[in-house]
């Protein structure tokens, strides 16, 4: 299984268009149940809003699932632009809800498409897009000089991410490593006779270049 681009945290964005208030809310989700739960929670939070339109795209074993809703807006004016924002950023495992409080001025189909699409796009950007890659936990004990060599040769957030570190008479570190980097980093430890062991499988998270 390769890497996928998703979002790190919940993102929010708000814009006013001709007195209508658009509020975008985005979140990472790994199942349709999670997506539907988020949609329900946001819709309940804005129960007095005119519309709560949404879209999600989720990776499942062997397939992807995408769904959207105009929630009473004209067909194609809300849900599809929201899904389009997800696809424009090439994201997976995300859900976006765009809530609209009608301000009394009709925007037309084109105006709605632009407003819903922009709100969704900015809500996703605010949630910090990152890469999720298959990873493995490594636990190592080494001298301070060896730790300095390690951090000089390997870049944090690209080659490894630091989960935990204890500084005593030596450095005891728990690091997450991309699976395709495990052999190279393990080789560094083996060459220097650094004691290490493998831990759990996990998702390695790195910033989008």
Protein backbone atom coordinates (compact mmCIF):
# COMPACT_ATOMS: atom_id res chain seq x y z
CA UNK A 1 0.00 0.00 0.00
CA UNK A 2 1.46 3.36 -1.03
CA UNK A 3 1.24 6.83 0.38
CA UNK A 4 -1.93 8.91 0.32
CA UNK A 5 -2.56 12.60 0.77
CA UNK A 6 -5.03 13.62 3.45
CA UNK A 7 -5.41 16.24 6.19
CA UNK A 8 -3.83 16.33 9.61
CA UNK A 9 -6.47 18.10 11.69
CA UNK A 10 -9.89 19.73 11.60
CA UNK A 11 -10.04 22.78 9.35
CA UNK A 12 -12.46 25.70 9.33
CA UNK A 13 -13.05 28.64 7.01
CA UNK A 14 -15.75 31.28 6.75
CA UNK A 15 -16.68 33.74 4.01
CA UNK A 16 -19.54 36.16 3.33
CA UNK A 17 -20.89 36.39 -0.21
CA UNK A 18 -23.63 38.95 -0.87
CA UNK A 19 -24.82 38.71 2.73
CA UNK A 20 -24.89 34.89 2.72
CA UNK A 21 -22.58 33.34 5.29
CA UNK A 22 -20.67 30.21 4.23
CA UNK A 23 -18.88 28.14 6.89
CA UNK A 24 -16.60 25.29 5.86
CA UNK A 25 -15.64 22.44 8.20
CA UNK A 26 -13.28 19.61 7.22
CA UNK A 27 -11.95 16.54 8.99
CA UNK A 28 -9.99 13.37 8.27
CA UNK A 29 -12.10 10.21 8.33
CA UNK A 30 -11.35 6.59 7.50
CA UNK A 31 -14.87 5.20 7.07
CA UNK A 32 -18.27 6.29 5.82
CA UNK A 33 -19.56 5.97 9.37
CA UNK A 34 -17.01 8.53 10.58
CA UNK A 35 -17.89 10.86 7.70
CA UNK A 36 -21.63 10.61 8.35
CA UNK A 37 -21.09 11.20 12.07
CA UNK A 38 -19.13 14.40 11.32
CA UNK A 39 -21.79 15.60 8.87
CA UNK A 40 -24.50 15.00 11.47
CA UNK A 41 -22.56 16.82 14.20
CA UNK A 42 -21.89 19.89 12.03
CA UNK A 43 -25.51 19.95 10.80
CA UNK A 44 -26.79 19.83 14.39
CA UNK A 45 -24.39 22.58 15.42
CA UNK A 46 -25.85 24.78 12.69
CA UNK A 47 -29.44 23.58 12.98
CA UNK A 48 -30.82 27.03 12.07
CA UNK A 49 -28.77 27.30 8.86
CA UNK A 50 -30.43 27.32 5.44
CA UNK A 51 -28.30 24.45 4.09
CA UNK A 52 -25.56 22.06 5.23
CA UNK A 53 -24.06 20.63 2.06
CA UNK A 54 -21.29 18.05 2.12
CA UNK A 55 -18.97 15.66 0.32
CA UNK A 56 -16.45 12.99 1.23
CA UNK A 57 -13.91 10.70 -0.43
CA UNK A 58 -12.70 7.62 1.43
CA UNK A 59 -10.20 4.86 0.56
CA UNK A 60 -11.39 1.36 1.30
CA UNK A 61 -9.56 -1.91 0.56
CA UNK A 62 -9.47 -2.21 -3.22
CA UNK A 63 -11.75 0.75 -3.92
CA UNK A 64 -12.65 4.35 -3.18
CA UNK A 65 -16.01 5.70 -2.09
CA UNK A 66 -17.17 9.25 -2.85
CA UNK A 67 -20.50 10.82 -2.01
CA UNK A 68 -22.01 14.30 -1.82
CA UNK A 69 -25.25 16.18 -1.18
CA UNK A 70 -26.67 19.52 -2.32
CA UNK A 71 -28.93 19.50 0.76
CA UNK A 72 -31.69 21.45 -0.95
CA UNK A 73 -29.54 23.76 -3.06
CA UNK A 74 -30.02 23.57 -6.86
CA UNK A 75 -28.69 20.34 -8.37
CA UNK A 76 -24.93 20.45 -8.95
CA UNK A 77 -24.40 23.79 -7.20
CA UNK A 78 -23.03 22.63 -3.84
CA UNK A 79 -22.11 18.97 -3.28
CA UNK A 80 -20.19 18.55 -6.53
CA UNK A 81 -18.10 21.74 -6.06
CA UNK A 82 -17.23 20.55 -2.54
CA UNK A 83 -16.13 17.15 -3.89
CA UNK A 84 -14.28 19.02 -6.62
CA UNK A 85 -12.26 20.88 -3.97
CA UNK A 86 -11.28 17.54 -2.40
CA UNK A 87 -10.18 16.21 -5.77
CA UNK A 88 -8.37 19.42 -6.71
CA UNK A 89 -6.09 18.94 -3.70
CA UNK A 90 -5.85 15.19 -4.44
CA UNK A 91 -7.04 14.28 -0.95
CA UNK A 92 -8.43 11.02 0.37
CA UNK A 93 -10.09 10.04 3.64
CA UNK A 94 -11.66 13.46 4.14
CA UNK A 95 -15.12 14.90 4.68
CA UNK A 96 -16.18 18.52 4.20
CA UNK A 97 -19.39 20.23 5.26
CA UNK A 98 -20.23 23.72 4.01
CA UNK A 99 -23.00 25.42 5.94
CA UNK A 100 -24.91 28.34 4.43
CA UNK A 101 -26.92 30.99 6.22
CA UNK A 102 -28.96 32.66 3.48
CA UNK A 103 -28.58 36.44 3.44
CA UNK A 104 -31.58 37.34 1.31
CA UNK A 105 -29.78 37.75 -2.03
CA UNK A 106 -29.87 34.92 -4.59
CA UNK A 107 -26.44 34.04 -5.94
CA UNK A 108 -27.40 32.03 -9.02
CA UNK A 109 -25.96 28.64 -9.94
CA UNK A 110 -22.53 30.03 -10.86
CA UNK A 111 -22.34 32.06 -7.68
CA UNK A 112 -23.24 29.05 -5.56
CA UNK A 113 -20.70 26.82 -7.30
CA UNK A 114 -17.95 29.38 -6.66
CA UNK A 115 -18.95 30.02 -3.03
CA UNK A 116 -19.27 26.37 -2.04
CA UNK A 117 -16.12 25.36 -3.92
CA UNK A 118 -13.97 28.15 -2.46
CA UNK A 119 -15.23 27.60 1.09
CA UNK A 120 -14.50 23.87 0.88
CA UNK A 121 -11.06 24.44 -0.64
CA UNK A 122 -9.99 26.88 2.06
CA UNK A 123 -11.38 24.68 4.85
CA UNK A 124 -9.25 21.81 3.54
CA UNK A 125 -6.13 23.96 3.25
CA UNK A 126 -6.67 25.11 6.85
CA UNK A 127 -6.64 21.46 7.94
CA UNK A 128 -2.97 21.09 6.85
CA UNK A 129 -2.72 18.58 3.98
CA UNK A 130 -0.03 15.96 4.66
CA UNK A 131 1.18 12.64 3.27
CA UNK A 132 0.29 9.43 5.12
CA UNK A 133 2.68 6.58 4.30
CA UNK A 134 3.03 3.05 5.68
CA UNK A 135 5.55 3.22 8.51
CA UNK A 136 7.25 1.31 11.27
CA UNK A 137 8.30 2.23 14.79
CA UNK A 138 11.99 1.89 15.73
CA UNK A 139 13.28 2.08 19.31
CA UNK A 140 17.00 2.82 19.63
CA UNK A 141 19.55 3.50 22.38
CA UNK A 142 22.71 5.40 21.50
CA UNK A 143 25.40 7.77 22.70
CA UNK A 144 24.91 11.51 22.29
CA UNK A 145 27.55 11.64 19.54
CA UNK A 146 25.72 8.92 17.62
CA UNK A 147 22.40 10.74 18.03
CA UNK A 148 24.01 13.91 16.67
CA UNK A 149 25.29 11.93 13.68
CA UNK A 150 21.85 10.44 13.13
CA UNK A 151 20.02 13.80 13.16
CA UNK A 152 22.68 15.25 10.87
CA UNK A 153 22.29 12.51 8.26
CA UNK A 154 18.52 12.00 8.44
CA UNK A 155 15.97 14.78 8.22
CA UNK A 156 13.06 14.85 10.62
CA UNK A 157 9.61 14.83 8.96
CA UNK A 158 11.11 13.48 5.75
CA UNK A 159 13.14 10.39 6.77
CA UNK A 160 11.80 9.97 10.30
CA UNK A 161 9.52 11.57 12.85
CA UNK A 162 10.30 11.69 16.55
CA UNK A 163 7.69 10.00 18.73
CA UNK A 164 9.54 10.14 22.04
CA UNK A 165 13.06 10.78 23.31
CA UNK A 166 14.65 10.44 26.76
CA UNK A 167 18.00 12.06 27.53
CA UNK A 168 19.85 10.36 30.38
CA UNK A 169 23.39 8.99 30.22
CA UNK A 170 22.43 8.04 26.64
CA UNK A 171 19.67 8.87 24.18
CA UNK A 172 16.70 6.52 24.09
CA UNK A 173 14.51 7.40 21.11
CA UNK A 174 11.29 6.13 19.61
CA UNK A 175 11.04 7.16 15.98
CA UNK A 176 8.56 6.54 13.18
CA UNK A 177 10.13 5.59 9.86
CA UNK A 178 8.64 5.22 6.41
CA UNK A 179 8.73 1.55 5.42
CA UNK A 180 10.78 2.34 2.34
CA UNK A 181 13.39 4.01 4.60
CA UNK A 182 13.57 1.28 7.26
CA UNK A 183 16.44 -0.63 5.63
CA UNK A 184 18.57 2.51 5.23
CA UNK A 185 18.03 3.71 8.81
CA UNK A 186 18.45 0.22 10.28
CA UNK A 187 21.72 -0.01 8.34
CA UNK A 188 22.92 3.18 10.04
CA UNK A 189 22.25 1.59 13.44
CA UNK A 190 23.83 -1.76 12.52
CA UNK A 191 27.02 -0.17 11.14
CA UNK A 192 27.54 1.68 14.43
CA UNK A 193 26.43 -1.24 16.61
CA UNK A 194 23.58 0.79 18.01
CA UNK A 195 21.04 -1.27 19.91
CA UNK A 196 17.59 -1.04 18.32
CA UNK A 197 14.39 -3.00 17.85
CA UNK A 198 11.29 -2.77 15.69
CA UNK A 199 7.99 -1.69 17.19
CA UNK A 200 4.47 -1.38 15.83
CA UNK A 201 3.36 -0.62 12.31
CA UNK A 202 1.94 2.88 11.95
CA UNK A 203 1.23 5.72 9.53
CA UNK A 204 4.20 7.95 8.83
CA UNK A 205 3.02 11.54 8.47
CA UNK A 206 5.06 14.07 6.52
CA UNK A 207 4.39 17.57 5.19
CA UNK A 208 3.35 17.99 1.59
CA UNK A 209 6.30 19.20 -0.45
